[in-house]
């Protein structure tokens, strides 16, 4: 993994934190449904290393704009959502579980219909 990253990053290994991003969607997803070239790019490696540490789940657009933090929350939105959702966020500001992500995805798709649909991603730190 590190060799692959170093080659893609121009040999700058050691800078930043290496993160794996997994899309949770139905098999057979098409470009019409998920309008992003990420869907068709070759994934290297094809699966996360077993040593990867799961950081949590995010709900985001195809451009990876997070519904957890980047969707113009009004003070009323924050107050309404904080009671239920704040305890479902971990120390990384990500959702603990896939079930929580599915629930927040539904709310975010409704709340921010202009940028919907939002997708579920699992983020892992590569070690």
C-alpha atoms as a PDB file:
ATOM      1  CA  UNK A   1       0.000   0.000   0.000  1.00  0.00           C
ATOM      2  CA  UNK A   2       2.709   2.478   0.955  1.00  0.00           C
ATOM      3  CA  UNK A   3       4.675   1.715  -2.232  1.00  0.00           C
ATOM      4  CA  UNK A   4       1.571   2.349  -4.315  1.00  0.00           C
ATOM      5  CA  UNK A   5       0.874   5.615  -2.470  1.00  0.00           C
ATOM      6  CA  UNK A   6       4.481   6.775  -2.719  1.00  0.00           C
ATOM      7  CA  UNK A   7       4.447   6.219  -6.468  1.00  0.00           C
ATOM      8  CA  UNK A   8       1.175   8.098  -6.915  1.00  0.00           C
ATOM      9  CA  UNK A   9       2.236  10.922  -4.582  1.00  0.00           C
ATOM     10  CA  UNK A  10       5.544  11.499  -6.322  1.00  0.00           C
ATOM     11  CA  UNK A  11       7.581   9.848  -3.589  1.00  0.00           C
ATOM     12  CA  UNK A  12       6.214  11.975  -0.753  1.00  0.00           C
ATOM     13  CA  UNK A  13       5.474   9.030   1.527  1.00  0.00           C
ATOM     14  CA  UNK A  14       5.358   9.861   5.198  1.00  0.00           C
ATOM     15  CA  UNK A  15       3.256  13.004   4.826  1.00  0.00           C
ATOM     16  CA  UNK A  16      -0.292  12.974   6.121  1.00  0.00           C
ATOM     17  CA  UNK A  17      -2.415   9.995   7.021  1.00  0.00           C
ATOM     18  CA  UNK A  18      -3.261   7.312   4.499  1.00  0.00           C
ATOM     19  CA  UNK A  19      -7.024   6.764   4.342  1.00  0.00           C
ATOM     20  CA  UNK A  20      -9.012   4.081   2.579  1.00  0.00           C
ATOM     21  CA  UNK A  21     -12.507   5.074   1.431  1.00  0.00           C
ATOM     22  CA  UNK A  22     -15.108   2.411   0.723  1.00  0.00           C
ATOM     23  CA  UNK A  23     -18.432   3.167  -0.957  1.00  0.00           C
ATOM     24  CA  UNK A  24     -21.421   1.269   0.430  1.00  0.00           C
ATOM     25  CA  UNK A  25     -23.858   0.834  -2.479  1.00  0.00           C
ATOM     26  CA  UNK A  26     -25.720  -1.873  -4.337  1.00  0.00           C
ATOM     27  CA  UNK A  27     -23.622  -3.999  -6.714  1.00  0.00           C
ATOM     28  CA  UNK A  28     -23.913  -3.018 -10.366  1.00  0.00           C
ATOM     29  CA  UNK A  29     -23.995   0.702  -9.674  1.00  0.00           C
ATOM     30  CA  UNK A  30     -23.808   2.691 -12.927  1.00  0.00           C
ATOM     31  CA  UNK A  31     -22.329   6.057 -13.818  1.00  0.00           C
ATOM     32  CA  UNK A  32     -25.879   7.402 -14.232  1.00  0.00           C
ATOM     33  CA  UNK A  33     -26.612   6.510 -10.609  1.00  0.00           C
ATOM     34  CA  UNK A  34     -23.193   7.515  -9.234  1.00  0.00           C
ATOM     35  CA  UNK A  35     -21.866  10.274 -11.511  1.00  0.00           C
ATOM     36  CA  UNK A  36     -18.222  10.070 -10.582  1.00  0.00           C
ATOM     37  CA  UNK A  37     -15.202   8.737 -12.458  1.00  0.00           C
ATOM     38  CA  UNK A  38     -14.143   7.136  -9.156  1.00  0.00           C
ATOM     39  CA  UNK A  39     -16.531   4.294  -9.948  1.00  0.00           C
ATOM     40  CA  UNK A  40     -14.511   3.192 -12.969  1.00  0.00           C
ATOM     41  CA  UNK A  41     -10.967   3.848 -11.849  1.00  0.00           C
ATOM     42  CA  UNK A  42      -8.835   0.845 -11.051  1.00  0.00           C
ATOM     43  CA  UNK A  43      -8.613   0.417  -7.295  1.00  0.00           C
ATOM     44  CA  UNK A  44      -5.120  -0.262  -5.991  1.00  0.00           C
ATOM     45  CA  UNK A  45      -5.077  -2.199  -3.815  1.00  0.00           C
ATOM     46  CA  UNK A  46      -8.375  -3.922  -4.572  1.00  0.00           C
ATOM     47  CA  UNK A  47      -9.139  -4.396  -0.872  1.00  0.00           C
ATOM     48  CA  UNK A  48      -8.051  -2.771   2.349  1.00  0.00           C
ATOM     49  CA  UNK A  49      -5.205  -4.338   4.296  1.00  0.00           C
ATOM     50  CA  UNK A  50      -6.379  -6.380   7.275  1.00  0.00           C
ATOM     51  CA  UNK A  51      -4.427  -4.031   9.525  1.00  0.00           C
ATOM     52  CA  UNK A  52      -6.582  -1.043   8.479  1.00  0.00           C
ATOM     53  CA  UNK A  53      -8.270   0.716  11.397  1.00  0.00           C
ATOM     54  CA  UNK A  54     -11.913   1.648  10.778  1.00  0.00           C
ATOM     55  CA  UNK A  55     -12.422   5.314  11.641  1.00  0.00           C
ATOM     56  CA  UNK A  56     -16.179   5.431  11.014  1.00  0.00           C
ATOM     57  CA  UNK A  57     -18.818   6.222   8.416  1.00  0.00           C
ATOM     58  CA  UNK A  58     -19.536   9.418   6.512  1.00  0.00           C
ATOM     59  CA  UNK A  59     -22.497  10.439   4.382  1.00  0.00           C
ATOM     60  CA  UNK A  60     -21.274  12.435   1.387  1.00  0.00           C
ATOM     61  CA  UNK A  61     -21.858  13.342  -2.243  1.00  0.00           C
ATOM     62  CA  UNK A  62     -20.028  11.759  -5.159  1.00  0.00           C
ATOM     63  CA  UNK A  63     -17.541  14.645  -4.834  1.00  0.00           C
ATOM     64  CA  UNK A  64     -16.960  13.563  -1.198  1.00  0.00           C
ATOM     65  CA  UNK A  65     -18.653  16.669   0.243  1.00  0.00           C
ATOM     66  CA  UNK A  66     -19.665  15.512   3.720  1.00  0.00           C
ATOM     67  CA  UNK A  67     -23.275  15.730   4.838  1.00  0.00           C
ATOM     68  CA  UNK A  68     -22.019  15.646   8.412  1.00  0.00           C
ATOM     69  CA  UNK A  69     -20.241  18.969   8.212  1.00  0.00           C
ATOM     70  CA  UNK A  70     -20.434  20.716   4.843  1.00  0.00           C
ATOM     71  CA  UNK A  71     -24.098  21.350   4.052  1.00  0.00           C
ATOM     72  CA  UNK A  72     -24.859  24.836   5.395  1.00  0.00           C
ATOM     73  CA  UNK A  73     -26.475  23.873   8.667  1.00  0.00           C
ATOM     74  CA  UNK A  74     -28.641  26.624  10.104  1.00  0.00           C
ATOM     75  CA  UNK A  75     -28.755  27.137  13.879  1.00  0.00           C
ATOM     76  CA  UNK A  76     -32.201  25.498  13.810  1.00  0.00           C
ATOM     77  CA  UNK A  77     -30.825  22.460  11.934  1.00  0.00           C
ATOM     78  CA  UNK A  78     -28.020  22.076  14.440  1.00  0.00           C
ATOM     79  CA  UNK A  79     -30.363  22.272  17.410  1.00  0.00           C
ATOM     80  CA  UNK A  80     -32.842  19.813  15.904  1.00  0.00           C
ATOM     81  CA  UNK A  81     -30.205  17.255  14.880  1.00  0.00           C
ATOM     82  CA  UNK A  82     -27.823  17.547  17.826  1.00  0.00           C
ATOM     83  CA  UNK A  83     -30.068  15.815  20.368  1.00  0.00           C
ATOM     84  CA  UNK A  84     -30.307  12.581  18.393  1.00  0.00           C
ATOM     85  CA  UNK A  85     -27.110  12.518  16.350  1.00  0.00           C
ATOM     86  CA  UNK A  86     -24.334  13.948  18.530  1.00  0.00           C
ATOM     87  CA  UNK A  87     -24.048  10.714  20.544  1.00  0.00           C
ATOM     88  CA  UNK A  88     -23.769   8.739  17.295  1.00  0.00           C
ATOM     89  CA  UNK A  89     -20.555  10.565  16.307  1.00  0.00           C
ATOM     90  CA  UNK A  90     -17.158   9.272  17.355  1.00  0.00           C
ATOM     91  CA  UNK A  91     -13.996  11.213  18.218  1.00  0.00           C
ATOM     92  CA  UNK A  92     -13.240  11.549  14.487  1.00  0.00           C
ATOM     93  CA  UNK A  93     -16.581  13.261  13.803  1.00  0.00           C
ATOM     94  CA  UNK A  94     -17.785  10.177  11.916  1.00  0.00           C
ATOM     95  CA  UNK A  95     -20.775   7.950  12.539  1.00  0.00           C
ATOM     96  CA  UNK A  96     -20.152   4.802  14.563  1.00  0.00           C
ATOM     97  CA  UNK A  97     -22.197   2.327  12.542  1.00  0.00           C
ATOM     98  CA  UNK A  98     -23.628   1.550   9.126  1.00  0.00           C
ATOM     99  CA  UNK A  99     -27.137   1.689  10.625  1.00  0.00           C
ATOM    100  CA  UNK A 100     -26.466   5.207  11.907  1.00  0.00           C
ATOM    101  CA  UNK A 101     -25.078   6.186   8.491  1.00  0.00           C
ATOM    102  CA  UNK A 102     -28.196   4.865   6.739  1.00  0.00           C
ATOM    103  CA  UNK A 103     -30.423   6.907   9.047  1.00  0.00           C
ATOM    104  CA  UNK A 104     -28.374  10.057   8.597  1.00  0.00           C
ATOM    105  CA  UNK A 105     -28.253   9.497   4.830  1.00  0.00           C
ATOM    106  CA  UNK A 106     -32.062   9.588   4.660  1.00  0.00           C
ATOM    107  CA  UNK A 107     -32.201  12.814   6.684  1.00  0.00           C
ATOM    108  CA  UNK A 108     -29.444  14.453   4.633  1.00  0.00           C
ATOM    109  CA  UNK A 109     -31.013  13.515   1.299  1.00  0.00           C
ATOM    110  CA  UNK A 110     -34.224  15.195   2.438  1.00  0.00           C
ATOM    111  CA  UNK A 111     -32.539  18.176   4.105  1.00  0.00           C
ATOM    112  CA  UNK A 112     -30.203  18.939   1.209  1.00  0.00           C
ATOM    113  CA  UNK A 113     -32.143  17.767  -1.831  1.00  0.00           C
ATOM    114  CA  UNK A 114     -30.164  20.139  -4.088  1.00  0.00           C
ATOM    115  CA  UNK A 115     -26.958  18.097  -3.604  1.00  0.00           C
ATOM    116  CA  UNK A 116     -28.623  14.702  -3.054  1.00  0.00           C
ATOM    117  CA  UNK A 117     -28.186  11.853  -3.325  1.00  0.00           C
ATOM    118  CA  UNK A 118     -25.754  11.357  -0.505  1.00  0.00           C
ATOM    119  CA  UNK A 119     -23.787   8.124  -0.302  1.00  0.00           C
ATOM    120  CA  UNK A 120     -22.367   6.126   2.577  1.00  0.00           C
ATOM    121  CA  UNK A 121     -18.602   5.760   2.844  1.00  0.00           C
ATOM    122  CA  UNK A 122     -16.528   3.885   5.396  1.00  0.00           C
ATOM    123  CA  UNK A 123     -13.210   5.550   6.167  1.00  0.00           C
ATOM    124  CA  UNK A 124     -10.275   3.532   7.441  1.00  0.00           C
ATOM    125  CA  UNK A 125      -6.775   4.515   8.432  1.00  0.00           C
ATOM    126  CA  UNK A 126      -4.222   2.448   6.585  1.00  0.00           C
ATOM    127  CA  UNK A 127      -1.457   1.136   8.797  1.00  0.00           C
END
